[in-house]
């Protein structure tokens, strides 16, 4: 089994954390989390994962509440992971703006 974690930085203040477990070329589970550097700490603001046995996204509000996107359908976990990484790399600014509006 191969468990890994790495980061991608679409901006100096935003990063995408990718963590997964793979067995014989197949993803067993993953977490792709968008984090921003806010008030001197890395703060998660949105996350795709496979907890609960299905792919979904949790948008994390400043007050600790989560907005869960219902199960998202993908042919396999690899496609879902790639979609999540691409979504956060392309749309990190809009996710960040929404988070900042929740703070106000």
C-alpha atoms as a PDB file:
ATOM      1  CA  UNK A   1       0.000   0.000   0.000  1.00  0.00           C
ATOM      2  CA  UNK A   2       1.142   3.503  -0.814  1.00  0.00           C
ATOM      3  CA  UNK A   3       0.037   6.408   1.398  1.00  0.00           C
ATOM      4  CA  UNK A   4       1.166   9.888   0.381  1.00  0.00           C
ATOM      5  CA  UNK A   5       0.649  13.552   1.110  1.00  0.00           C
ATOM      6  CA  UNK A   6       1.828  16.540  -0.888  1.00  0.00           C
ATOM      7  CA  UNK A   7       1.007  20.211  -1.431  1.00  0.00           C
ATOM      8  CA  UNK A   8       0.445  22.412  -4.477  1.00  0.00           C
ATOM      9  CA  UNK A   9       0.567  26.207  -4.183  1.00  0.00           C
ATOM     10  CA  UNK A  10      -1.627  28.076  -6.683  1.00  0.00           C
ATOM     11  CA  UNK A  11      -0.714  31.283  -4.764  1.00  0.00           C
ATOM     12  CA  UNK A  12       1.682  32.066  -1.930  1.00  0.00           C
ATOM     13  CA  UNK A  13      -1.320  32.356   0.421  1.00  0.00           C
ATOM     14  CA  UNK A  14      -3.287  29.346  -0.871  1.00  0.00           C
ATOM     15  CA  UNK A  15      -2.396  25.682  -0.982  1.00  0.00           C
ATOM     16  CA  UNK A  16      -4.008  22.424  -2.010  1.00  0.00           C
ATOM     17  CA  UNK A  17      -3.231  19.521   0.339  1.00  0.00           C
ATOM     18  CA  UNK A  18      -3.542  16.107  -1.314  1.00  0.00           C
ATOM     19  CA  UNK A  19      -3.487  12.923   0.739  1.00  0.00           C
ATOM     20  CA  UNK A  20      -4.376   9.428  -0.451  1.00  0.00           C
ATOM     21  CA  UNK A  21      -3.969   5.700   0.002  1.00  0.00           C
ATOM     22  CA  UNK A  22      -3.366   3.589  -3.072  1.00  0.00           C
ATOM     23  CA  UNK A  23      -3.161  -0.183  -3.441  1.00  0.00           C
ATOM     24  CA  UNK A  24      -1.958  -1.841  -6.646  1.00  0.00           C
ATOM     25  CA  UNK A  25      -2.676   1.300  -8.658  1.00  0.00           C
ATOM     26  CA  UNK A  26      -6.156   1.901  -7.247  1.00  0.00           C
ATOM     27  CA  UNK A  27      -7.061   4.752  -4.919  1.00  0.00           C
ATOM     28  CA  UNK A  28      -8.719   3.412  -1.777  1.00  0.00           C
ATOM     29  CA  UNK A  29      -9.405   6.837  -0.243  1.00  0.00           C
ATOM     30  CA  UNK A  30      -8.339  10.455  -0.625  1.00  0.00           C
ATOM     31  CA  UNK A  31      -8.622  13.937   0.831  1.00  0.00           C
ATOM     32  CA  UNK A  32      -8.047  17.082  -1.243  1.00  0.00           C
ATOM     33  CA  UNK A  33      -8.238  20.189   0.919  1.00  0.00           C
ATOM     34  CA  UNK A  34      -8.032  23.870   0.014  1.00  0.00           C
ATOM     35  CA  UNK A  35      -6.282  25.918   2.691  1.00  0.00           C
ATOM     36  CA  UNK A  36      -5.517  29.628   2.934  1.00  0.00           C
ATOM     37  CA  UNK A  37      -2.989  31.421   5.101  1.00  0.00           C
ATOM     38  CA  UNK A  38      -5.324  33.426   7.328  1.00  0.00           C
ATOM     39  CA  UNK A  39      -4.430  35.127  10.633  1.00  0.00           C
ATOM     40  CA  UNK A  40      -0.963  33.538  10.555  1.00  0.00           C
ATOM     41  CA  UNK A  41      -2.188  29.924  10.279  1.00  0.00           C
ATOM     42  CA  UNK A  42      -3.099  27.587   7.420  1.00  0.00           C
ATOM     43  CA  UNK A  43      -6.891  27.384   7.546  1.00  0.00           C
ATOM     44  CA  UNK A  44      -8.930  24.748   5.662  1.00  0.00           C
ATOM     45  CA  UNK A  45     -11.851  26.276   3.758  1.00  0.00           C
ATOM     46  CA  UNK A  46     -13.070  23.428   1.527  1.00  0.00           C
ATOM     47  CA  UNK A  47     -12.410  19.720   1.197  1.00  0.00           C
ATOM     48  CA  UNK A  48     -13.214  16.843  -1.151  1.00  0.00           C
ATOM     49  CA  UNK A  49     -12.934  13.406   0.400  1.00  0.00           C
ATOM     50  CA  UNK A  50     -14.168   9.839   0.371  1.00  0.00           C
ATOM     51  CA  UNK A  51     -15.172   9.557   4.029  1.00  0.00           C
ATOM     52  CA  UNK A  52     -18.625   8.075   4.629  1.00  0.00           C
ATOM     53  CA  UNK A  53     -17.901   5.740   1.684  1.00  0.00           C
ATOM     54  CA  UNK A  54     -18.571   8.220  -1.119  1.00  0.00           C
ATOM     55  CA  UNK A  55     -17.006  11.260  -2.795  1.00  0.00           C
ATOM     56  CA  UNK A  56     -18.337  14.595  -1.545  1.00  0.00           C
ATOM     57  CA  UNK A  57     -17.231  18.158  -0.805  1.00  0.00           C
ATOM     58  CA  UNK A  58     -17.417  19.931   2.537  1.00  0.00           C
ATOM     59  CA  UNK A  59     -17.275  23.723   2.539  1.00  0.00           C
ATOM     60  CA  UNK A  60     -15.938  24.788   5.925  1.00  0.00           C
ATOM     61  CA  UNK A  61     -17.367  27.963   7.422  1.00  0.00           C
ATOM     62  CA  UNK A  62     -15.454  30.189   9.875  1.00  0.00           C
ATOM     63  CA  UNK A  63     -17.912  29.306  12.668  1.00  0.00           C
ATOM     64  CA  UNK A  64     -17.042  25.594  12.321  1.00  0.00           C
ATOM     65  CA  UNK A  65     -20.160  24.543  10.432  1.00  0.00           C
ATOM     66  CA  UNK A  66     -19.849  22.476   7.266  1.00  0.00           C
ATOM     67  CA  UNK A  67     -21.902  22.622   4.114  1.00  0.00           C
ATOM     68  CA  UNK A  68     -21.858  19.127   2.634  1.00  0.00           C
ATOM     69  CA  UNK A  69     -22.337  18.513  -1.081  1.00  0.00           C
ATOM     70  CA  UNK A  70     -24.326  15.337  -1.614  1.00  0.00           C
ATOM     71  CA  UNK A  71     -22.537  12.321  -3.091  1.00  0.00           C
ATOM     72  CA  UNK A  72     -20.699  13.197  -6.275  1.00  0.00           C
ATOM     73  CA  UNK A  73     -20.579  10.520  -8.966  1.00  0.00           C
ATOM     74  CA  UNK A  74     -17.292   9.665 -10.685  1.00  0.00           C
ATOM     75  CA  UNK A  75     -16.223   6.494 -12.498  1.00  0.00           C
ATOM     76  CA  UNK A  76     -13.463   5.969  -9.912  1.00  0.00           C
ATOM     77  CA  UNK A  77     -11.575   7.676  -7.092  1.00  0.00           C
ATOM     78  CA  UNK A  78      -8.695   8.679  -9.373  1.00  0.00           C
ATOM     79  CA  UNK A  79     -11.018  10.740 -11.577  1.00  0.00           C
ATOM     80  CA  UNK A  80     -12.589  12.312  -8.481  1.00  0.00           C
ATOM     81  CA  UNK A  81      -9.190  13.198  -6.994  1.00  0.00           C
ATOM     82  CA  UNK A  82      -8.043  14.777 -10.264  1.00  0.00           C
ATOM     83  CA  UNK A  83     -11.296  16.754 -10.507  1.00  0.00           C
ATOM     84  CA  UNK A  84     -10.869  18.032  -6.929  1.00  0.00           C
ATOM     85  CA  UNK A  85      -7.264  19.143  -7.455  1.00  0.00           C
ATOM     86  CA  UNK A  86      -8.184  20.896 -10.718  1.00  0.00           C
ATOM     87  CA  UNK A  87     -11.218  22.583  -9.143  1.00  0.00           C
ATOM     88  CA  UNK A  88      -9.190  24.040  -6.276  1.00  0.00           C
ATOM     89  CA  UNK A  89      -6.248  25.071  -8.471  1.00  0.00           C
ATOM     90  CA  UNK A  90      -8.558  26.895 -10.890  1.00  0.00           C
ATOM     91  CA  UNK A  91     -11.101  28.301  -8.409  1.00  0.00           C
ATOM     92  CA  UNK A  92      -9.170  28.943  -5.181  1.00  0.00           C
ATOM     93  CA  UNK A  93      -9.855  32.692  -5.447  1.00  0.00           C
ATOM     94  CA  UNK A  94     -13.641  32.277  -5.571  1.00  0.00           C
ATOM     95  CA  UNK A  95     -13.630  29.798  -2.665  1.00  0.00           C
ATOM     96  CA  UNK A  96     -11.487  32.283  -0.704  1.00  0.00           C
ATOM     97  CA  UNK A  97     -13.789  35.219  -1.450  1.00  0.00           C
ATOM     98  CA  UNK A  98     -16.811  33.219  -0.319  1.00  0.00           C
ATOM     99  CA  UNK A  99     -15.025  32.298   2.934  1.00  0.00           C
ATOM    100  CA  UNK A 100     -14.164  35.954   3.573  1.00  0.00           C
ATOM    101  CA  UNK A 101     -17.813  36.937   3.025  1.00  0.00           C
ATOM    102  CA  UNK A 102     -18.840  34.372   5.640  1.00  0.00           C
ATOM    103  CA  UNK A 103     -16.481  36.070   8.099  1.00  0.00           C
ATOM    104  CA  UNK A 104     -18.156  39.480   7.632  1.00  0.00           C
END
